[in-house]
Amino acid sequence: MAAFAPVTDADLARARKDAAFRQKLLEQNLETLLARVKKLRNSAPPAQSVGARQMREAIELAVRLAEMIQGAPKANASRSNGAV
């Protein structure tokens, strides 16, 4: 698993101007996120633990990143009513 490299202000500025760079940045962050979710899943946290909550949050973020990569609309009916 690659070490997490925070996105800098310069990266964000470049991503606003360069669609290919933005795509690459999103894909790299999605890969990192999915690797960490896999690591959490393999540790099998109890259903109500902090780890389980973090896994749910990571999965929601992964879905949002995937939607951004694919150019999907930001709003989603299941997300607006709080369903997971």
N, C-alpha and C. Protein backbone atom coordinates (compact mmCIF):
# COMPACT_ATOMS: atom_id res chain seq x y z
N MET A 1 0.85 -1.17 0.00
CA MET A 1 0.00 0.00 0.00
C MET A 1 0.90 1.23 0.00
N ALA A 2 0.61 2.15 -0.89
CA ALA A 2 1.39 3.38 -0.99
C ALA A 2 1.11 4.28 0.21
N ALA A 3 2.12 5.01 0.61
CA ALA A 3 1.95 5.96 1.70
C ALA A 3 1.04 7.09 1.24
N PHE A 4 0.26 7.62 2.17
CA PHE A 4 -0.65 8.71 1.84
C PHE A 4 0.14 9.99 1.62
N ALA A 5 -0.10 10.64 0.51
CA ALA A 5 0.54 11.91 0.20
C ALA A 5 -0.56 12.96 0.13
N PRO A 6 -0.63 13.86 1.11
CA PRO A 6 -1.69 14.87 1.11
C PRO A 6 -1.67 15.71 -0.17
N VAL A 7 -2.84 16.13 -0.60
CA VAL A 7 -2.96 16.99 -1.77
C VAL A 7 -2.59 18.41 -1.35
N THR A 8 -1.72 19.02 -2.12
CA THR A 8 -1.26 20.37 -1.80
C THR A 8 -2.13 21.41 -2.51
N ASP A 9 -1.98 22.66 -2.09
CA ASP A 9 -2.69 23.75 -2.76
C ASP A 9 -2.28 23.83 -4.23
N ALA A 10 -1.01 23.57 -4.50
CA ALA A 10 -0.53 23.59 -5.89
C ALA A 10 -1.19 22.48 -6.71
N ASP A 11 -1.37 21.30 -6.10
CA ASP A 11 -2.06 20.21 -6.78
C ASP A 11 -3.50 20.60 -7.11
N LEU A 12 -4.17 21.22 -6.15
CA LEU A 12 -5.56 21.62 -6.36
C LEU A 12 -5.66 22.67 -7.47
N ALA A 13 -4.74 23.63 -7.46
CA ALA A 13 -4.74 24.66 -8.50
C ALA A 13 -4.53 24.03 -9.87
N ARG A 14 -3.60 23.09 -9.95
CA ARG A 14 -3.33 22.43 -11.24
C ARG A 14 -4.53 21.58 -11.67
N ALA A 15 -5.16 20.90 -10.71
CA ALA A 15 -6.31 20.05 -11.03
C ALA A 15 -7.48 20.86 -11.58
N ARG A 16 -7.61 22.11 -11.12
CA ARG A 16 -8.68 22.96 -11.63
C ARG A 16 -8.47 23.31 -13.10
N LYS A 17 -7.22 23.35 -13.53
CA LYS A 17 -6.89 23.77 -14.89
C LYS A 17 -6.64 22.60 -15.84
N ASP A 18 -6.22 21.46 -15.30
CA ASP A 18 -5.77 20.33 -16.11
C ASP A 18 -6.64 19.11 -15.83
N ALA A 19 -7.56 18.81 -16.73
CA ALA A 19 -8.50 17.69 -16.53
C ALA A 19 -7.79 16.35 -16.40
N ALA A 20 -6.74 16.14 -17.18
CA ALA A 20 -6.00 14.87 -17.11
C ALA A 20 -5.34 14.70 -15.75
N PHE A 21 -4.76 15.77 -15.23
CA PHE A 21 -4.13 15.72 -13.91
C PHE A 21 -5.19 15.48 -12.83
N ARG A 22 -6.34 16.15 -12.96
CA ARG A 22 -7.43 15.97 -12.00
C ARG A 22 -7.86 14.52 -11.98
N GLN A 23 -8.02 13.92 -13.16
CA GLN A 23 -8.41 12.51 -13.27
C GLN A 23 -7.38 11.60 -12.58
N LYS A 24 -6.11 11.86 -12.85
CA LYS A 24 -5.04 11.05 -12.25
C LYS A 24 -5.04 11.19 -10.73
N LEU A 25 -5.22 12.41 -10.24
CA LEU A 25 -5.24 12.67 -8.80
C LEU A 25 -6.40 11.93 -8.14
N LEU A 26 -7.58 11.99 -8.76
CA LEU A 26 -8.73 11.27 -8.22
C LEU A 26 -8.49 9.77 -8.21
N GLU A 27 -7.95 9.24 -9.29
CA GLU A 27 -7.70 7.80 -9.37
C GLU A 27 -6.68 7.34 -8.33
N GLN A 28 -5.63 8.12 -8.14
CA GLN A 28 -4.62 7.75 -7.15
C GLN A 28 -5.21 7.75 -5.74
N ASN A 29 -6.02 8.75 -5.44
CA ASN A 29 -6.62 8.82 -4.11
C ASN A 29 -7.64 7.72 -3.91
N LEU A 30 -8.37 7.36 -4.95
CA LEU A 30 -9.32 6.25 -4.85
C LEU A 30 -8.58 4.94 -4.60
N GLU A 31 -7.48 4.70 -5.29
CA GLU A 31 -6.70 3.48 -5.08
C GLU A 31 -6.18 3.40 -3.65
N THR A 32 -5.68 4.51 -3.13
CA THR A 32 -5.18 4.54 -1.75
C THR A 32 -6.31 4.26 -0.77
N LEU A 33 -7.46 4.90 -0.99
CA LEU A 33 -8.61 4.71 -0.12
C LEU A 33 -9.08 3.26 -0.13
N LEU A 34 -9.17 2.67 -1.32
CA LEU A 34 -9.63 1.28 -1.41
C LEU A 34 -8.64 0.32 -0.74
N ALA A 35 -7.36 0.60 -0.85
CA ALA A 35 -6.37 -0.25 -0.18
C ALA A 35 -6.54 -0.18 1.33
N ARG A 36 -6.83 1.00 1.84
CA ARG A 36 -7.03 1.13 3.29
C ARG A 36 -8.33 0.48 3.74
N VAL A 37 -9.37 0.57 2.92
CA VAL A 37 -10.63 -0.11 3.24
C VAL A 37 -10.40 -1.62 3.30
N LYS A 38 -9.63 -2.13 2.34
CA LYS A 38 -9.32 -3.56 2.33
C LYS A 38 -8.59 -3.96 3.61
N LYS A 39 -7.65 -3.12 4.03
CA LYS A 39 -6.90 -3.41 5.26
C LYS A 39 -7.85 -3.42 6.46
N LEU A 40 -8.76 -2.45 6.53
CA LEU A 40 -9.75 -2.42 7.62
C LEU A 40 -10.64 -3.65 7.58
N ARG A 41 -11.08 -4.01 6.37
CA ARG A 41 -11.96 -5.17 6.23
C ARG A 41 -11.28 -6.44 6.71
N ASN A 42 -10.01 -6.59 6.39
CA ASN A 42 -9.27 -7.78 6.79
C ASN A 42 -9.07 -7.86 8.30
N SER A 43 -9.12 -6.72 8.98
CA SER A 43 -8.97 -6.75 10.43
C SER A 43 -10.30 -7.08 11.10
N ALA A 44 -11.40 -7.15 10.33
CA ALA A 44 -12.74 -7.55 10.79
C ALA A 44 -13.15 -6.88 12.09
N PRO A 45 -13.38 -5.57 12.08
CA PRO A 45 -13.81 -4.90 13.31
C PRO A 45 -15.24 -5.29 13.68
N PRO A 46 -15.58 -5.29 14.97
CA PRO A 46 -16.96 -5.54 15.37
C PRO A 46 -17.90 -4.52 14.71
N ALA A 47 -19.15 -4.90 14.50
CA ALA A 47 -20.10 -4.07 13.74
C ALA A 47 -20.27 -2.65 14.28
N GLN A 48 -20.16 -2.45 15.58
CA GLN A 48 -20.40 -1.12 16.15
C GLN A 48 -19.11 -0.40 16.55
N SER A 49 -17.97 -0.89 16.13
CA SER A 49 -16.70 -0.30 16.55
C SER A 49 -16.37 0.96 15.75
N VAL A 50 -15.38 1.69 16.24
CA VAL A 50 -14.88 2.87 15.53
C VAL A 50 -14.36 2.46 14.16
N GLY A 51 -13.69 1.31 14.07
CA GLY A 51 -13.17 0.83 12.80
C GLY A 51 -14.28 0.58 11.79
N ALA A 52 -15.40 0.04 12.25
CA ALA A 52 -16.54 -0.20 11.35
C ALA A 52 -17.11 1.11 10.85
N ARG A 53 -17.21 2.10 11.71
CA ARG A 53 -17.70 3.42 11.30
C ARG A 53 -16.76 4.04 10.28
N GLN A 54 -15.47 3.92 10.54
CA GLN A 54 -14.49 4.46 9.61
C GLN A 54 -14.56 3.76 8.26
N MET A 55 -14.82 2.45 8.29
CA MET A 55 -14.93 1.71 7.04
C MET A 55 -16.14 2.20 6.25
N ARG A 56 -17.27 2.41 6.91
CA ARG A 56 -18.45 2.92 6.20
C ARG A 56 -18.16 4.29 5.59
N GLU A 57 -17.50 5.16 6.35
CA GLU A 57 -17.15 6.49 5.83
C GLU A 57 -16.21 6.39 4.64
N ALA A 58 -15.25 5.48 4.73
CA ALA A 58 -14.29 5.29 3.63
C ALA A 58 -15.00 4.78 2.38
N ILE A 59 -15.94 3.89 2.56
CA ILE A 59 -16.67 3.36 1.41
C ILE A 59 -17.52 4.45 0.77
N GLU A 60 -18.17 5.28 1.58
CA GLU A 60 -18.93 6.39 1.02
C GLU A 60 -18.03 7.33 0.23
N LEU A 61 -16.86 7.61 0.76
CA LEU A 61 -15.91 8.49 0.07
C LEU A 61 -15.43 7.84 -1.22
N ALA A 62 -15.18 6.54 -1.18
CA ALA A 62 -14.74 5.82 -2.38
C ALA A 62 -15.80 5.91 -3.48
N VAL A 63 -17.05 5.78 -3.10
CA VAL A 63 -18.13 5.88 -4.08
C VAL A 63 -18.17 7.28 -4.68
N ARG A 64 -18.03 8.29 -3.84
CA ARG A 64 -18.03 9.67 -4.34
C ARG A 64 -16.86 9.91 -5.29
N LEU A 65 -15.68 9.41 -4.93
CA LEU A 65 -14.52 9.56 -5.81
C LEU A 65 -14.75 8.85 -7.14
N ALA A 66 -15.30 7.65 -7.08
CA ALA A 66 -15.57 6.90 -8.31
C ALA A 66 -16.56 7.66 -9.19
N GLU A 67 -17.58 8.27 -8.57
CA GLU A 67 -18.54 9.06 -9.33
C GLU A 67 -17.86 10.25 -9.99
N MET A 68 -16.96 10.90 -9.26
CA MET A 68 -16.24 12.04 -9.82
C MET A 68 -15.38 11.60 -11.00
N ILE A 69 -14.71 10.48 -10.86
CA ILE A 69 -13.86 9.97 -11.93
C ILE A 69 -14.70 9.66 -13.17
N GLN A 70 -15.88 9.11 -12.95
CA GLN A 70 -16.74 8.74 -14.07
C GLN A 70 -17.58 9.91 -14.58
N GLY A 71 -17.55 11.04 -13.88
CA GLY A 71 -18.33 12.19 -14.29
C GLY A 71 -19.80 12.08 -13.94
N ALA A 72 -20.11 11.27 -12.92
CA ALA A 72 -21.49 11.08 -12.50
C ALA A 72 -21.99 12.33 -11.77
N PRO A 73 -23.30 12.54 -11.74
CA PRO A 73 -23.87 13.68 -11.00
C PRO A 73 -23.52 13.60 -9.52
N LYS A 74 -23.36 14.74 -8.88
CA LYS A 74 -22.99 14.79 -7.46
C LYS A 74 -24.12 14.29 -6.57
N ALA A 75 -25.35 14.66 -6.86
CA ALA A 75 -26.46 14.29 -6.00
C ALA A 75 -26.90 12.86 -6.30
N ASN A 76 -27.27 12.16 -5.23
CA ASN A 76 -27.74 10.79 -5.37
C ASN A 76 -28.90 10.63 -4.40
N ALA A 77 -30.01 10.09 -4.83
CA ALA A 77 -31.18 9.98 -4.01
C ALA A 77 -30.91 9.21 -2.72
N SER A 78 -30.16 8.12 -2.79
CA SER A 78 -29.89 7.33 -1.58
C SER A 78 -29.03 8.10 -0.59
N ARG A 79 -28.16 8.97 -1.08
CA ARG A 79 -27.31 9.74 -0.19
C ARG A 79 -28.10 10.88 0.46
N SER A 80 -29.07 11.45 -0.27
CA SER A 80 -29.82 12.57 0.26
C SER A 80 -30.76 12.17 1.38
N ASN A 81 -31.19 10.89 1.41
CA ASN A 81 -32.05 10.46 2.51
C ASN A 81 -31.28 9.77 3.62
N GLY A 82 -29.96 9.73 3.52
CA GLY A 82 -29.14 9.17 4.58
C GLY A 82 -28.93 7.68 4.49
N ALA A 83 -29.47 7.03 3.46
CA ALA A 83 -29.29 5.58 3.32
C ALA A 83 -27.88 5.27 2.89
N VAL A 84 -27.40 4.09 3.29
CA VAL A 84 -26.06 3.65 2.90
C VAL A 84 -26.15 2.48 1.99
